[in-house]
Amino acid sequence: MTKQSLAVAGIVGTLLMAPIPAHAYLDPGTASMFLQLLLGGVAGLAVLLKLYRQRLLSFFGLGHQESDIVAKGDVPASEPESETEGQPH
């Protein structure tokens, strides 16, 4: 940067940081409202991420592959069948 452009950037930065008189009043309830809004947004984002966690992990390649997941009710061939199968209860 040249000295001239550095001086212009300094002047603009100083003018942007100069206080501007505001004729407004923020009561203590306003800060509480903004805090609730922020915390509610964080909680909502956490719930959303929890709901879509598996999709996000598979999108980034960190989740289980579909072939690794055993479907509910599938029994591996190595397990013996129950002896009571086929008998009346």
PDB file of N, CA and C in Angstrom:
ATOM      1  N   MET A   1       0.829  -1.176   0.000  1.00  0.00           N
ATOM      2  CA  MET A   1       0.000   0.000   0.000  1.00  0.00           C
ATOM      3  C   MET A   1       0.878   1.246   0.000  1.00  0.00           C
ATOM      4  N   THR A   2       0.390   2.232  -0.666  1.00  0.00           N
ATOM      5  CA  THR A   2       1.121   3.491  -0.661  1.00  0.00           C
ATOM      6  C   THR A   2       0.750   4.285   0.587  1.00  0.00           C
ATOM      7  N   LYS A   3       1.546   5.278   0.864  1.00  0.00           N
ATOM      8  CA  LYS A   3       1.294   6.105   2.048  1.00  0.00           C
ATOM      9  C   LYS A   3      -0.035   6.836   1.941  1.00  0.00           C
ATOM     10  N   GLN A   4      -0.384   7.244   0.728  1.00  0.00           N
ATOM     11  CA  GLN A   4      -1.617   7.985   0.532  1.00  0.00           C
ATOM     12  C   GLN A   4      -2.838   7.085   0.791  1.00  0.00           C
ATOM     13  N   SER A   5      -2.836   5.857   0.269  1.00  0.00           N
ATOM     14  CA  SER A   5      -3.973   4.962   0.476  1.00  0.00           C
ATOM     15  C   SER A   5      -4.048   4.512   1.932  1.00  0.00           C
ATOM     16  N   LEU A   6      -2.908   4.389   2.585  1.00  0.00           N
ATOM     17  CA  LEU A   6      -2.896   4.028   3.999  1.00  0.00           C
ATOM     18  C   LEU A   6      -3.479   5.163   4.847  1.00  0.00           C
ATOM     19  N   ALA A   7      -3.181   6.400   4.471  1.00  0.00           N
ATOM     20  CA  ALA A   7      -3.728   7.557   5.191  1.00  0.00           C
ATOM     21  C   ALA A   7      -5.240   7.650   5.005  1.00  0.00           C
ATOM     22  N   VAL A   8      -5.717   7.387   3.791  1.00  0.00           N
ATOM     23  CA  VAL A   8      -7.156   7.430   3.519  1.00  0.00           C
ATOM     24  C   VAL A   8      -7.857   6.325   4.310  1.00  0.00           C
ATOM     25  N   ALA A   9      -7.279   5.140   4.347  1.00  0.00           N
ATOM     26  CA  ALA A   9      -7.866   4.037   5.106  1.00  0.00           C
ATOM     27  C   ALA A   9      -7.908   4.367   6.594  1.00  0.00           C
ATOM     28  N   GLY A  10      -6.895   5.032   7.102  1.00  0.00           N
ATOM     29  CA  GLY A  10      -6.875   5.431   8.508  1.00  0.00           C
ATOM     30  C   GLY A  10      -7.951   6.450   8.826  1.00  0.00           C
ATOM     31  N   ILE A  11      -8.125   7.419   7.935  1.00  0.00           N
ATOM     32  CA  ILE A  11      -9.156   8.442   8.149  1.00  0.00           C
ATOM     33  C   ILE A  11     -10.552   7.816   8.098  1.00  0.00           C
ATOM     34  N   VAL A  12     -10.790   6.966   7.129  1.00  0.00           N
ATOM     35  CA  VAL A  12     -12.098   6.309   7.006  1.00  0.00           C
ATOM     36  C   VAL A  12     -12.352   5.427   8.227  1.00  0.00           C
ATOM     37  N   GLY A  13     -11.347   4.711   8.672  1.00  0.00           N
ATOM     38  CA  GLY A  13     -11.498   3.863   9.859  1.00  0.00           C
ATOM     39  C   GLY A  13     -11.794   4.676  11.098  1.00  0.00           C
ATOM     40  N   THR A  14     -11.156   5.821  11.237  1.00  0.00           N
ATOM     41  CA  THR A  14     -11.398   6.689  12.385  1.00  0.00           C
ATOM     42  C   THR A  14     -12.813   7.252  12.351  1.00  0.00           C
ATOM     43  N   LEU A  15     -13.277   7.633  11.178  1.00  0.00           N
ATOM     44  CA  LEU A  15     -14.638   8.167  11.055  1.00  0.00           C
ATOM     45  C   LEU A  15     -15.691   7.093  11.327  1.00  0.00           C
ATOM     46  N   LEU A  16     -15.421   5.865  10.938  1.00  0.00           N
ATOM     47  CA  LEU A  16     -16.370   4.785  11.179  1.00  0.00           C
ATOM     48  C   LEU A  16     -16.466   4.427  12.662  1.00  0.00           C
ATOM     49  N   MET A  17     -15.378   4.624  13.393  1.00  0.00           N
ATOM     50  CA  MET A  17     -15.376   4.277  14.811  1.00  0.00           C
ATOM     51  C   MET A  17     -15.794   5.453  15.697  1.00  0.00           C
ATOM     52  N   ALA A  18     -16.020   6.611  15.113  1.00  0.00           N
ATOM     53  CA  ALA A  18     -16.422   7.776  15.904  1.00  0.00           C
ATOM     54  C   ALA A  18     -17.831   7.564  16.437  1.00  0.00           C
ATOM     55  N   PRO A  19     -18.064   7.946  17.690  1.00  0.00           N
ATOM     56  CA  PRO A  19     -19.400   7.745  18.259  1.00  0.00           C
ATOM     57  C   PRO A  19     -20.425   8.672  17.609  1.00  0.00           C
ATOM     58  N   ILE A  20     -21.596   8.094  17.357  1.00  0.00           N
ATOM     59  CA  ILE A  20     -22.697   8.863  16.797  1.00  0.00           C
ATOM     60  C   ILE A  20     -23.752   8.972  17.892  1.00  0.00           C
ATOM     61  N   PRO A  21     -24.201  10.180  18.213  1.00  0.00           N
ATOM     62  CA  PRO A  21     -25.194  10.308  19.286  1.00  0.00           C
ATOM     63  C   PRO A  21     -26.495   9.591  18.913  1.00  0.00           C
ATOM     64  N   ALA A  22     -26.961   8.751  19.810  1.00  0.00           N
ATOM     65  CA  ALA A  22     -28.216   8.030  19.602  1.00  0.00           C
ATOM     66  C   ALA A  22     -29.186   8.457  20.686  1.00  0.00           C
ATOM     67  N   HIS A  23     -30.353   8.834  20.280  1.00  0.00           N
ATOM     68  CA  HIS A  23     -31.372   9.259  21.225  1.00  0.00           C
ATOM     69  C   HIS A  23     -32.357   8.107  21.389  1.00  0.00           C
ATOM     70  N   ALA A  24     -31.888   7.065  22.062  1.00  0.00           N
ATOM     71  CA  ALA A  24     -32.704   5.873  22.238  1.00  0.00           C
ATOM     72  C   ALA A  24     -32.484   5.330  23.638  1.00  0.00           C
ATOM     73  N   TYR A  25     -33.407   4.495  24.064  1.00  0.00           N
ATOM     74  CA  TYR A  25     -33.319   3.904  25.397  1.00  0.00           C
ATOM     75  C   TYR A  25     -33.576   2.416  25.278  1.00  0.00           C
ATOM     76  N   LEU A  26     -32.696   1.619  25.864  1.00  0.00           N
ATOM     77  CA  LEU A  26     -32.881   0.175  25.910  1.00  0.00           C
ATOM     78  C   LEU A  26     -33.082  -0.207  27.363  1.00  0.00           C
ATOM     79  N   ASP A  27     -34.263  -0.710  27.675  1.00  0.00           N
ATOM     80  CA  ASP A  27     -34.515  -1.106  29.057  1.00  0.00           C
ATOM     81  C   ASP A  27     -33.894  -2.481  29.328  1.00  0.00           C
ATOM     82  N   PRO A  28     -33.769  -2.874  30.588  1.00  0.00           N
ATOM     83  CA  PRO A  28     -33.136  -4.158  30.920  1.00  0.00           C
ATOM     84  C   PRO A  28     -33.844  -5.369  30.314  1.00  0.00           C
ATOM     85  N   GLY A  29     -35.138  -5.266  30.045  1.00  0.00           N
ATOM     86  CA  GLY A  29     -35.860  -6.387  29.445  1.00  0.00           C
ATOM     87  C   GLY A  29     -35.425  -6.672  28.020  1.00  0.00           C
ATOM     88  N   THR A  30     -34.896  -5.664  27.350  1.00  0.00           N
ATOM     89  CA  THR A  30     -34.451  -5.852  25.969  1.00  0.00           C
ATOM     90  C   THR A  30     -33.259  -6.789  25.907  1.00  0.00           C
ATOM     91  N   ALA A  31     -32.322  -6.635  26.819  1.00  0.00           N
ATOM     92  CA  ALA A  31     -31.162  -7.531  26.847  1.00  0.00           C
ATOM     93  C   ALA A  31     -31.601  -8.959  27.136  1.00  0.00           C
ATOM     94  N   SER A  32     -32.570  -9.103  28.038  1.00  0.00           N
ATOM     95  CA  SER A  32     -33.084 -10.431  28.345  1.00  0.00           C
ATOM     96  C   SER A  32     -33.745 -11.049  27.124  1.00  0.00           C
ATOM     97  N   MET A  33     -34.480 -10.248  26.371  1.00  0.00           N
ATOM     98  CA  MET A  33     -35.142 -10.753  25.167  1.00  0.00           C
ATOM     99  C   MET A  33     -34.110 -11.213  24.135  1.00  0.00           C
ATOM    100  N   PHE A  34     -33.072 -10.418  23.931  1.00  0.00           N
ATOM    101  CA  PHE A  34     -32.033 -10.809  22.980  1.00  0.00           C
ATOM    102  C   PHE A  34     -31.294 -12.056  23.440  1.00  0.00           C
ATOM    103  N   LEU A  35     -31.057 -12.195  24.736  1.00  0.00           N
ATOM    104  CA  LEU A  35     -30.405 -13.390  25.261  1.00  0.00           C
ATOM    105  C   LEU A  35     -31.274 -14.625  25.040  1.00  0.00           C
ATOM    106  N   GLN A  36     -32.585 -14.491  25.269  1.00  0.00           N
ATOM    107  CA  GLN A  36     -33.497 -15.608  25.035  1.00  0.00           C
ATOM    108  C   GLN A  36     -33.527 -15.970  23.553  1.00  0.00           C
ATOM    109  N   LEU A  37     -33.513 -14.982  22.695  1.00  0.00           N
ATOM    110  CA  LEU A  37     -33.496 -15.229  21.261  1.00  0.00           C
ATOM    111  C   LEU A  37     -32.237 -15.982  20.858  1.00  0.00           C
ATOM    112  N   LEU A  38     -31.108 -15.573  21.377  1.00  0.00           N
ATOM    113  CA  LEU A  38     -29.842 -16.228  21.068  1.00  0.00           C
ATOM    114  C   LEU A  38     -29.820 -17.660  21.583  1.00  0.00           C
ATOM    115  N   LEU A  39     -30.206 -17.861  22.845  1.00  0.00           N
ATOM    116  CA  LEU A  39     -30.186 -19.208  23.416  1.00  0.00           C
ATOM    117  C   LEU A  39     -31.221 -20.117  22.744  1.00  0.00           C
ATOM    118  N   GLY A  40     -32.367 -19.583  22.375  1.00  0.00           N
ATOM    119  CA  GLY A  40     -33.369 -20.367  21.655  1.00  0.00           C
ATOM    120  C   GLY A  40     -32.859 -20.799  20.288  1.00  0.00           C
ATOM    121  N   GLY A  41     -32.154 -19.912  19.618  1.00  0.00           N
ATOM    122  CA  GLY A  41     -31.560 -20.264  18.323  1.00  0.00           C
ATOM    123  C   GLY A  41     -30.507 -21.346  18.445  1.00  0.00           C
ATOM    124  N   VAL A  42     -29.679 -21.252  19.476  1.00  0.00           N
ATOM    125  CA  VAL A  42     -28.650 -22.273  19.708  1.00  0.00           C
ATOM    126  C   VAL A  42     -29.303 -23.616  20.021  1.00  0.00           C
ATOM    127  N   ALA A  43     -30.345 -23.608  20.861  1.00  0.00           N
ATOM    128  CA  ALA A  43     -31.046 -24.848  21.200  1.00  0.00           C
ATOM    129  C   ALA A  43     -31.725 -25.436  19.967  1.00  0.00           C
ATOM    130  N   GLY A  44     -32.338 -24.603  19.152  1.00  0.00           N
ATOM    131  CA  GLY A  44     -32.971 -25.084  17.921  1.00  0.00           C
ATOM    132  C   GLY A  44     -31.969 -25.677  16.957  1.00  0.00           C
ATOM    133  N   LEU A  45     -30.816 -25.045  16.844  1.00  0.00           N
ATOM    134  CA  LEU A  45     -29.763 -25.570  15.982  1.00  0.00           C
ATOM    135  C   LEU A  45     -29.255 -26.910  16.491  1.00  0.00           C
ATOM    136  N   ALA A  46     -29.133 -27.056  17.810  1.00  0.00           N
ATOM    137  CA  ALA A  46     -28.678 -28.322  18.388  1.00  0.00           C
ATOM    138  C   ALA A  46     -29.679 -29.438  18.098  1.00  0.00           C
ATOM    139  N   VAL A  47     -30.969 -29.144  18.221  1.00  0.00           N
ATOM    140  CA  VAL A  47     -31.992 -30.151  17.925  1.00  0.00           C
ATOM    141  C   VAL A  47     -31.968 -30.509  16.444  1.00  0.00           C
ATOM    142  N   LEU A  48     -31.827 -29.510  15.582  1.00  0.00           N
ATOM    143  CA  LEU A  48     -31.776 -29.764  14.152  1.00  0.00           C
ATOM    144  C   LEU A  48     -30.576 -30.631  13.788  1.00  0.00           C
ATOM    145  N   LEU A  49     -29.415 -30.336  14.368  1.00  0.00           N
ATOM    146  CA  LEU A  49     -28.230 -31.140  14.091  1.00  0.00           C
ATOM    147  C   LEU A  49     -28.393 -32.569  14.608  1.00  0.00           C
ATOM    148  N   LYS A  50     -29.060 -32.724  15.757  1.00  0.00           N
ATOM    149  CA  LYS A  50     -29.275 -34.055  16.291  1.00  0.00           C
ATOM    150  C   LYS A  50     -30.205 -34.861  15.382  1.00  0.00           C
ATOM    151  N   LEU A  51     -31.232 -34.199  14.847  1.00  0.00           N
ATOM    152  CA  LEU A  51     -32.161 -34.896  13.962  1.00  0.00           C
ATOM    153  C   LEU A  51     -31.500 -35.325  12.653  1.00  0.00           C
ATOM    154  N   TYR A  52     -30.640 -34.498  12.125  1.00  0.00           N
ATOM    155  CA  TYR A  52     -30.012 -34.781  10.837  1.00  0.00           C
ATOM    156  C   TYR A  52     -28.550 -35.218  10.978  1.00  0.00           C
ATOM    157  N   ARG A  53     -28.167 -35.716  12.149  1.00  0.00           N
ATOM    158  CA  ARG A  53     -26.773 -36.095  12.410  1.00  0.00           C
ATOM    159  C   ARG A  53     -26.283 -37.157  11.438  1.00  0.00           C
ATOM    160  N   GLN A  54     -27.062 -38.211  11.211  1.00  0.00           N
ATOM    161  CA  GLN A  54     -26.620 -39.302  10.347  1.00  0.00           C
ATOM    162  C   GLN A  54     -26.451 -38.828   8.910  1.00  0.00           C
ATOM    163  N   ARG A  55     -27.356 -37.982   8.449  1.00  0.00           N
ATOM    164  CA  ARG A  55     -27.227 -37.461   7.088  1.00  0.00           C
ATOM    165  C   ARG A  55     -25.982 -36.597   6.949  1.00  0.00           C
ATOM    166  N   LEU A  56     -25.716 -35.764   7.970  1.00  0.00           N
ATOM    167  CA  LEU A  56     -24.529 -34.907   7.917  1.00  0.00           C
ATOM    168  C   LEU A  56     -23.249 -35.733   7.943  1.00  0.00           C
ATOM    169  N   LEU A  57     -23.216 -36.763   8.795  1.00  0.00           N
ATOM    170  CA  LEU A  57     -22.016 -37.596   8.870  1.00  0.00           C
ATOM    171  C   LEU A  57     -21.774 -38.339   7.566  1.00  0.00           C
ATOM    172  N   SER A  58     -22.832 -38.869   6.957  1.00  0.00           N
ATOM    173  CA  SER A  58     -22.644 -39.582   5.695  1.00  0.00           C
ATOM    174  C   SER A  58     -22.269 -38.619   4.569  1.00  0.00           C
ATOM    175  N   PHE A  59     -22.760 -37.361   4.650  1.00  0.00           N
ATOM    176  CA  PHE A  59     -22.394 -36.364   3.643  1.00  0.00           C
ATOM    177  C   PHE A  59     -20.895 -36.087   3.681  1.00  0.00           C
ATOM    178  N   PHE A  60     -20.326 -36.009   4.879  1.00  0.00           N
ATOM    179  CA  PHE A  60     -18.902 -35.750   5.020  1.00  0.00           C
ATOM    180  C   PHE A  60     -18.076 -37.040   5.006  1.00  0.00           C
ATOM    181  N   GLY A  61     -18.719 -38.200   4.830  1.00  0.00           N
ATOM    182  CA  GLY A  61     -18.008 -39.472   4.749  1.00  0.00           C
ATOM    183  C   GLY A  61     -17.550 -39.994   6.093  1.00  0.00           C
ATOM    184  N   LEU A  62     -18.181 -39.578   7.178  1.00  0.00           N
ATOM    185  CA  LEU A  62     -17.762 -40.010   8.504  1.00  0.00           C
ATOM    186  C   LEU A  62     -18.696 -41.055   9.104  1.00  0.00           C
ATOM    187  N   GLY A  63     -19.853 -41.260   8.501  1.00  0.00           N
ATOM    188  CA  GLY A  63     -20.839 -42.183   9.060  1.00  0.00           C
ATOM    189  C   GLY A  63     -20.623 -43.603   8.575  1.00  0.00           C
ATOM    190  N   HIS A  64     -21.480 -44.502   9.040  1.00  0.00           N
ATOM    191  CA  HIS A  64     -21.423 -45.887   8.604  1.00  0.00           C
ATOM    192  C   HIS A  64     -21.936 -45.992   7.178  1.00  0.00           C
ATOM    193  N   GLN A  65     -21.340 -46.916   6.442  1.00  0.00           N
ATOM    194  CA  GLN A  65     -21.863 -47.210   5.119  1.00  0.00           C
ATOM    195  C   GLN A  65     -23.118 -48.046   5.262  1.00  0.00           C
ATOM    196  N   GLU A  66     -23.997 -48.033   4.279  1.00  0.00           N
ATOM    197  CA  GLU A  66     -25.242 -48.781   4.380  1.00  0.00           C
ATOM    198  C   GLU A  66     -24.981 -50.277   4.491  1.00  0.00           C
ATOM    199  N   SER A  67     -23.907 -50.781   3.900  1.00  0.00           N
ATOM    200  CA  SER A  67     -23.608 -52.204   3.968  1.00  0.00           C
ATOM    201  C   SER A  67     -23.139 -52.610   5.365  1.00  0.00           C
ATOM    202  N   ASP A  68     -22.649 -51.658   6.164  1.00  0.00           N
ATOM    203  CA  ASP A  68     -22.186 -51.959   7.513  1.00  0.00           C
ATOM    204  C   ASP A  68     -23.342 -52.082   8.499  1.00  0.00           C
ATOM    205  N   ILE A  69     -24.462 -51.496   8.170  1.00  0.00           N
ATOM    206  CA  ILE A  69     -25.595 -51.481   9.086  1.00  0.00           C
ATOM    207  C   ILE A  69     -26.411 -52.750   8.875  1.00  0.00           C
ATOM    208  N   VAL A  70     -26.620 -53.497   9.955  1.00  0.00           N
ATOM    209  CA  VAL A  70     -27.419 -54.709   9.884  1.00  0.00           C
ATOM    210  C   VAL A  70     -28.861 -54.307  10.120  1.00  0.00           C
ATOM    211  N   ALA A  71     -29.729 -54.723   9.216  1.00  0.00           N
ATOM    212  CA  ALA A  71     -31.135 -54.353   9.333  1.00  0.00           C
ATOM    213  C   ALA A  71     -31.736 -55.011  10.565  1.00  0.00           C
ATOM    214  N   LYS A  72     -32.700 -54.338  11.146  1.00  0.00           N
ATOM    215  CA  LYS A  72     -33.349 -54.857  12.348  1.00  0.00           C
ATOM    216  C   LYS A  72     -34.072 -56.148  11.990  1.00  0.00           C
ATOM    217  N   GLY A  73     -33.842 -57.179  12.782  1.00  0.00           N
ATOM    218  CA  GLY A  73     -34.485 -58.462  12.551  1.00  0.00           C
ATOM    219  C   GLY A  73     -33.604 -59.439  11.805  1.00  0.00           C
ATOM    220  N   ASP A  74     -32.519 -58.991  11.197  1.00  0.00           N
ATOM    221  CA  ASP A  74     -31.610 -59.904  10.517  1.00  0.00           C
ATOM    222  C   ASP A  74     -30.828 -60.702  11.546  1.00  0.00           C
ATOM    223  N   VAL A  75     -30.709 -62.006  11.317  1.00  0.00           N
ATOM    224  CA  VAL A  75     -29.960 -62.870  12.217  1.00  0.00           C
ATOM    225  C   VAL A  75     -28.767 -63.404  11.442  1.00  0.00           C
ATOM    226  N   PRO A  76     -27.567 -63.223  11.942  1.00  0.00           N
ATOM    227  CA  PRO A  76     -26.398 -63.770  11.261  1.00  0.00           C
ATOM    228  C   PRO A  76     -26.490 -65.288  11.173  1.00  0.00           C
ATOM    229  N   ALA A  77     -25.926 -65.865  10.123  1.00  0.00           N
ATOM    230  CA  ALA A  77     -26.012 -67.303   9.886  1.00  0.00           C
ATOM    231  C   ALA A  77     -25.261 -68.096  10.946  1.00  0.00           C
ATOM    232  N   SER A  78     -24.323 -67.501  11.652  1.00  0.00           N
ATOM    233  CA  SER A  78     -23.528 -68.237  12.628  1.00  0.00           C
ATOM    234  C   SER A  78     -24.295 -68.528  13.914  1.00  0.00           C
ATOM    235  N   GLU A  79     -25.414 -67.831  14.166  1.00  0.00           N
ATOM    236  CA  GLU A  79     -26.170 -68.064  15.389  1.00  0.00           C
ATOM    237  C   GLU A  79     -27.108 -69.253  15.208  1.00  0.00           C
ATOM    238  N   PRO A  80     -27.123 -70.177  16.173  1.00  0.00           N
ATOM    239  CA  PRO A  80     -28.033 -71.315  16.056  1.00  0.00           C
ATOM    240  C   PRO A  80     -29.475 -70.872  16.270  1.00  0.00           C
ATOM    241  N   GLU A  81     -30.386 -71.587  15.615  1.00  0.00           N
ATOM    242  CA  GLU A  81     -31.797 -71.270  15.779  1.00  0.00           C
ATOM    243  C   GLU A  81     -32.272 -71.763  17.128  1.00  0.00           C
ATOM    244  N   SER A  82     -33.299 -71.165  17.619  1.00  0.00           N
ATOM    245  CA  SER A  82     -33.834 -71.509  18.928  1.00  0.00           C
ATOM    246  C   SER A  82     -34.441 -72.906  18.886  1.00  0.00           C
ATOM    247  N   GLU A  83     -34.274 -73.679  19.983  1.00  0.00           N
ATOM    248  CA  GLU A  83     -34.811 -75.032  20.039  1.00  0.00           C
ATOM    249  C   GLU A  83     -36.316 -75.032  20.187  1.00  0.00           C
ATOM    250  N   THR A  84     -36.884 -73.945  20.695  1.00  0.00           N
ATOM    251  CA  THR A  84     -38.306 -73.885  20.919  1.00  0.00           C
ATOM    252  C   THR A  84     -39.063 -73.397  19.691  1.00  0.00           C
ATOM    253  N   GLU A  85     -38.359 -73.122  18.607  1.00  0.00           N
ATOM    254  CA  GLU A  85     -39.007 -72.614  17.415  1.00  0.00           C
ATOM    255  C   GLU A  85     -39.901 -73.697  16.820  1.00  0.00           C
ATOM    256  N   GLY A  86     -41.084 -73.340  16.476  1.00  0.00           N
ATOM    257  CA  GLY A  86     -42.008 -74.299  15.888  1.00  0.00           C
ATOM    258  C   GLY A  86     -42.844 -75.027  16.913  1.00  0.00           C
ATOM    259  N   GLN A  87     -42.532 -74.914  18.199  1.00  0.00           N
ATOM    260  CA  GLN A  87     -43.317 -75.572  19.246  1.00  0.00           C
ATOM    261  C   GLN A  87     -44.388 -74.615  19.725  1.00  0.00           C
ATOM    262  N   PRO A  88     -45.565 -75.130  20.091  1.00  0.00           N
ATOM    263  CA  PRO A  88     -46.619 -74.247  20.600  1.00  0.00           C
ATOM    264  C   PRO A  88     -46.235 -73.663  21.942  1.00  0.00           C
ATOM    265  N   HIS A  89     -46.675 -72.484  22.190  1.00  0.00           N
ATOM    266  CA  HIS A  89     -46.363 -71.794  23.449  1.00  0.00           C
ATOM    267  C   HIS A  89     -47.370 -72.088  24.472  1.00  0.00           C
TER     268      HIS A  89
END
